[in-house]
């Protein structure tokens, strides 16, 4: 699967990482690597951005939405380089600071409606994305069938 550079550019990738990291507080690098594959799937973002959606657990989300994971490994692989690029950019501009084996927000990157509808959906979904990846990374990787 090729992830479109027009749909997933450095700007939206950096914004997605920053807003999810802001909601989570701290994420390890393996968890940060899960953000863009989630954001790259339109239906997942739409579901997680819905104000009526209530997150229970990763396992329950997986059971109820298994169709959102059918090509997760391909999305994960395609998102590794953009994740590193966006993380590096955020560190360079002082939004993110690397800490221990992960990262924290140093200065929030505010949402602006001029960023567009996609950024708005990612912003609304960010708390649920943070919750989705908040559990054990090895469990997510195993259940999403990510090949390392």
C-alpha atoms as a PDB file:
ATOM      1  CA  UNK A   1       0.000   0.000   0.000  1.00  0.00           C
ATOM      2  CA  UNK A   2       1.302   3.424  -0.910  1.00  0.00           C
ATOM      3  CA  UNK A   3       0.376   6.210   1.459  1.00  0.00           C
ATOM      4  CA  UNK A   4      -0.299   9.351  -0.563  1.00  0.00           C
ATOM      5  CA  UNK A   5       2.077  12.212   0.123  1.00  0.00           C
ATOM      6  CA  UNK A   6      -0.735  14.679  -0.600  1.00  0.00           C
ATOM      7  CA  UNK A   7      -3.062  13.112   1.959  1.00  0.00           C
ATOM      8  CA  UNK A   8      -0.328  12.417   4.508  1.00  0.00           C
ATOM      9  CA  UNK A   9       2.186  15.235   4.356  1.00  0.00           C
ATOM     10  CA  UNK A  10       4.668  16.445   6.945  1.00  0.00           C
ATOM     11  CA  UNK A  11       2.243  19.073   8.228  1.00  0.00           C
ATOM     12  CA  UNK A  12      -0.674  16.738   8.982  1.00  0.00           C
ATOM     13  CA  UNK A  13       1.717  14.049  10.262  1.00  0.00           C
ATOM     14  CA  UNK A  14       3.428  16.464  12.664  1.00  0.00           C
ATOM     15  CA  UNK A  15       0.067  17.839  13.799  1.00  0.00           C
ATOM     16  CA  UNK A  16      -1.300  14.317  14.401  1.00  0.00           C
ATOM     17  CA  UNK A  17       1.729  13.281  16.441  1.00  0.00           C
ATOM     18  CA  UNK A  18       1.627  16.464  18.503  1.00  0.00           C
ATOM     19  CA  UNK A  19      -2.084  16.425  19.382  1.00  0.00           C
ATOM     20  CA  UNK A  20      -2.077  12.733  20.297  1.00  0.00           C
ATOM     21  CA  UNK A  21       1.107  13.162  22.323  1.00  0.00           C
ATOM     22  CA  UNK A  22      -0.436  16.172  24.050  1.00  0.00           C
ATOM     23  CA  UNK A  23      -3.463  14.088  25.089  1.00  0.00           C
ATOM     24  CA  UNK A  24      -1.310  11.141  26.198  1.00  0.00           C
ATOM     25  CA  UNK A  25       1.275  13.208  28.060  1.00  0.00           C
ATOM     26  CA  UNK A  26       4.101  10.755  27.343  1.00  0.00           C
ATOM     27  CA  UNK A  27       4.431   8.009  24.727  1.00  0.00           C
ATOM     28  CA  UNK A  28       7.185   5.528  24.066  1.00  0.00           C
ATOM     29  CA  UNK A  29       8.623   5.367  20.555  1.00  0.00           C
ATOM     30  CA  UNK A  30       6.819   2.081  19.720  1.00  0.00           C
ATOM     31  CA  UNK A  31       3.507   3.758  20.630  1.00  0.00           C
ATOM     32  CA  UNK A  32       4.351   6.908  18.654  1.00  0.00           C
ATOM     33  CA  UNK A  33       4.936   4.670  15.622  1.00  0.00           C
ATOM     34  CA  UNK A  34       1.279   3.565  15.852  1.00  0.00           C
ATOM     35  CA  UNK A  35      -0.230   7.047  15.488  1.00  0.00           C
ATOM     36  CA  UNK A  36       0.211   7.635  11.750  1.00  0.00           C
ATOM     37  CA  UNK A  37      -1.047   4.189  10.670  1.00  0.00           C
ATOM     38  CA  UNK A  38      -4.208   4.948  12.641  1.00  0.00           C
ATOM     39  CA  UNK A  39      -4.497   8.462  11.192  1.00  0.00           C
ATOM     40  CA  UNK A  40      -3.930   7.093   7.671  1.00  0.00           C
ATOM     41  CA  UNK A  41      -7.201   5.129   7.859  1.00  0.00           C
ATOM     42  CA  UNK A  42     -10.112   7.444   7.138  1.00  0.00           C
ATOM     43  CA  UNK A  43     -12.796   5.235   8.711  1.00  0.00           C
ATOM     44  CA  UNK A  44     -10.815   4.786  11.920  1.00  0.00           C
ATOM     45  CA  UNK A  45     -10.339   8.538  12.310  1.00  0.00           C
ATOM     46  CA  UNK A  46     -13.999   9.155  11.498  1.00  0.00           C
ATOM     47  CA  UNK A  47     -15.108   6.654  14.144  1.00  0.00           C
ATOM     48  CA  UNK A  48     -12.677   7.918  16.803  1.00  0.00           C
ATOM     49  CA  UNK A  49     -13.638  11.551  16.092  1.00  0.00           C
ATOM     50  CA  UNK A  50     -17.360  10.894  16.534  1.00  0.00           C
ATOM     51  CA  UNK A  51     -18.527  12.623  19.706  1.00  0.00           C
ATOM     52  CA  UNK A  52     -20.853   9.696  20.504  1.00  0.00           C
ATOM     53  CA  UNK A  53     -18.005   7.146  20.439  1.00  0.00           C
ATOM     54  CA  UNK A  54     -16.921   5.855  23.851  1.00  0.00           C
ATOM     55  CA  UNK A  55     -13.592   4.062  24.098  1.00  0.00           C
ATOM     56  CA  UNK A  56     -13.632   0.973  26.332  1.00  0.00           C
ATOM     57  CA  UNK A  57     -10.414  -0.893  25.546  1.00  0.00           C
ATOM     58  CA  UNK A  58      -8.133  -1.712  22.634  1.00  0.00           C
ATOM     59  CA  UNK A  59      -9.345  -5.309  22.645  1.00  0.00           C
ATOM     60  CA  UNK A  60     -13.003  -4.244  22.469  1.00  0.00           C
ATOM     61  CA  UNK A  61     -12.247  -1.744  19.709  1.00  0.00           C
ATOM     62  CA  UNK A  62     -10.411  -4.450  17.756  1.00  0.00           C
ATOM     63  CA  UNK A  63     -13.309  -6.903  18.109  1.00  0.00           C
ATOM     64  CA  UNK A  64     -15.915  -4.315  17.101  1.00  0.00           C
ATOM     65  CA  UNK A  65     -13.837  -2.843  14.247  1.00  0.00           C
ATOM     66  CA  UNK A  66     -11.670  -5.665  12.921  1.00  0.00           C
ATOM     67  CA  UNK A  67     -12.117  -4.271   9.395  1.00  0.00           C
ATOM     68  CA  UNK A  68     -10.014  -1.242  10.437  1.00  0.00           C
ATOM     69  CA  UNK A  69      -7.011  -3.528  10.919  1.00  0.00           C
ATOM     70  CA  UNK A  70      -7.011  -5.629   7.737  1.00  0.00           C
ATOM     71  CA  UNK A  71      -4.009  -3.778   6.239  1.00  0.00           C
ATOM     72  CA  UNK A  72      -2.542  -2.289   9.405  1.00  0.00           C
ATOM     73  CA  UNK A  73       0.886  -3.857   8.833  1.00  0.00           C
ATOM     74  CA  UNK A  74       1.158  -2.178   5.426  1.00  0.00           C
ATOM     75  CA  UNK A  75       0.082   1.160   6.866  1.00  0.00           C
ATOM     76  CA  UNK A  76       2.565   0.731   9.712  1.00  0.00           C
ATOM     77  CA  UNK A  77       5.441  -0.018   7.344  1.00  0.00           C
ATOM     78  CA  UNK A  78       4.523   2.876   5.046  1.00  0.00           C
ATOM     79  CA  UNK A  79       4.326   5.245   8.033  1.00  0.00           C
ATOM     80  CA  UNK A  80       7.702   4.540   9.661  1.00  0.00           C
ATOM     81  CA  UNK A  81       9.731   7.097   7.695  1.00  0.00           C
ATOM     82  CA  UNK A  82       7.021   9.798   7.857  1.00  0.00           C
ATOM     83  CA  UNK A  83       6.781   9.199  11.620  1.00  0.00           C
ATOM     84  CA  UNK A  84      10.517   9.701  12.100  1.00  0.00           C
ATOM     85  CA  UNK A  85      10.453  12.797   9.861  1.00  0.00           C
ATOM     86  CA  UNK A  86       7.501  14.345  11.706  1.00  0.00           C
ATOM     87  CA  UNK A  87       9.025  13.547  15.099  1.00  0.00           C
ATOM     88  CA  UNK A  88      12.350  15.040  14.038  1.00  0.00           C
ATOM     89  CA  UNK A  89      10.585  18.167  12.758  1.00  0.00           C
ATOM     90  CA  UNK A  90       8.625  18.553  16.002  1.00  0.00           C
ATOM     91  CA  UNK A  91      11.847  18.220  18.011  1.00  0.00           C
ATOM     92  CA  UNK A  92      13.620  20.791  15.805  1.00  0.00           C
ATOM     93  CA  UNK A  93      10.881  23.402  16.250  1.00  0.00           C
ATOM     94  CA  UNK A  94      10.628  22.763  19.993  1.00  0.00           C
ATOM     95  CA  UNK A  95       7.152  21.247  20.129  1.00  0.00           C
ATOM     96  CA  UNK A  96       8.335  17.802  21.291  1.00  0.00           C
ATOM     97  CA  UNK A  97      11.161  16.776  23.566  1.00  0.00           C
ATOM     98  CA  UNK A  98      12.626  13.277  23.612  1.00  0.00           C
ATOM     99  CA  UNK A  99      12.630  11.789  27.091  1.00  0.00           C
ATOM    100  CA  UNK A 100      13.835   8.357  28.193  1.00  0.00           C
ATOM    101  CA  UNK A 101      12.556   5.935  25.528  1.00  0.00           C
ATOM    102  CA  UNK A 102       9.807   8.203  24.240  1.00  0.00           C
ATOM    103  CA  UNK A 103       8.657  11.788  23.881  1.00  0.00           C
ATOM    104  CA  UNK A 104       6.684  14.505  25.656  1.00  0.00           C
ATOM    105  CA  UNK A 105       5.124  17.756  24.506  1.00  0.00           C
ATOM    106  CA  UNK A 106       7.354  20.747  25.210  1.00  0.00           C
ATOM    107  CA  UNK A 107       5.009  23.336  23.715  1.00  0.00           C
ATOM    108  CA  UNK A 108       1.505  22.653  22.398  1.00  0.00           C
ATOM    109  CA  UNK A 109       0.817  22.986  18.675  1.00  0.00           C
ATOM    110  CA  UNK A 110      -2.653  24.601  18.650  1.00  0.00           C
ATOM    111  CA  UNK A 111      -5.381  23.558  16.239  1.00  0.00           C
ATOM    112  CA  UNK A 112      -6.558  26.238  13.822  1.00  0.00           C
ATOM    113  CA  UNK A 113      -9.693  25.769  11.648  1.00  0.00           C
ATOM    114  CA  UNK A 114      -7.644  26.958   8.650  1.00  0.00           C
ATOM    115  CA  UNK A 115      -5.772  23.636   8.861  1.00  0.00           C
ATOM    116  CA  UNK A 116      -8.755  21.987   7.196  1.00  0.00           C
ATOM    117  CA  UNK A 117     -11.334  19.293   7.839  1.00  0.00           C
ATOM    118  CA  UNK A 118      -8.823  16.465   8.109  1.00  0.00           C
ATOM    119  CA  UNK A 119      -6.867  18.233  10.845  1.00  0.00           C
ATOM    120  CA  UNK A 120     -10.170  18.952  12.591  1.00  0.00           C
ATOM    121  CA  UNK A 121     -11.105  15.241  12.565  1.00  0.00           C
ATOM    122  CA  UNK A 122      -7.633  14.248  13.790  1.00  0.00           C
ATOM    123  CA  UNK A 123      -7.896  16.841  16.564  1.00  0.00           C
ATOM    124  CA  UNK A 124     -11.323  15.532  17.634  1.00  0.00           C
ATOM    125  CA  UNK A 125     -10.054  11.921  17.490  1.00  0.00           C
ATOM    126  CA  UNK A 126      -6.779  12.610  19.319  1.00  0.00           C
ATOM    127  CA  UNK A 127      -7.987  11.686  22.825  1.00  0.00           C
ATOM    128  CA  UNK A 128      -9.416   8.395  21.554  1.00  0.00           C
ATOM    129  CA  UNK A 129      -6.256   7.663  19.553  1.00  0.00           C
ATOM    130  CA  UNK A 130      -4.205   8.286  22.708  1.00  0.00           C
ATOM    131  CA  UNK A 131      -6.506   5.925  24.620  1.00  0.00           C
ATOM    132  CA  UNK A 132      -6.317   3.302  21.854  1.00  0.00           C
ATOM    133  CA  UNK A 133      -2.516   3.137  22.024  1.00  0.00           C
ATOM    134  CA  UNK A 134      -2.247   3.655  25.796  1.00  0.00           C
ATOM    135  CA  UNK A 135      -2.056  -0.020  26.677  1.00  0.00           C
ATOM    136  CA  UNK A 136       0.874  -2.338  26.235  1.00  0.00           C
ATOM    137  CA  UNK A 137       2.556  -1.756  22.873  1.00  0.00           C
ATOM    138  CA  UNK A 138       3.440  -5.439  22.450  1.00  0.00           C
ATOM    139  CA  UNK A 139      -0.241  -6.406  22.749  1.00  0.00           C
ATOM    140  CA  UNK A 140      -1.224  -3.837  20.090  1.00  0.00           C
ATOM    141  CA  UNK A 141       1.577  -4.978  17.763  1.00  0.00           C
ATOM    142  CA  UNK A 142       0.605  -8.632  18.173  1.00  0.00           C
ATOM    143  CA  UNK A 143      -3.142  -8.117  17.712  1.00  0.00           C
ATOM    144  CA  UNK A 144      -2.715  -5.691  14.791  1.00  0.00           C
ATOM    145  CA  UNK A 145      -0.411  -8.315  13.200  1.00  0.00           C
ATOM    146  CA  UNK A 146       2.496  -5.959  12.727  1.00  0.00           C
ATOM    147  CA  UNK A 147       5.513  -7.790  11.379  1.00  0.00           C
ATOM    148  CA  UNK A 148       8.770  -6.538  12.854  1.00  0.00           C
END
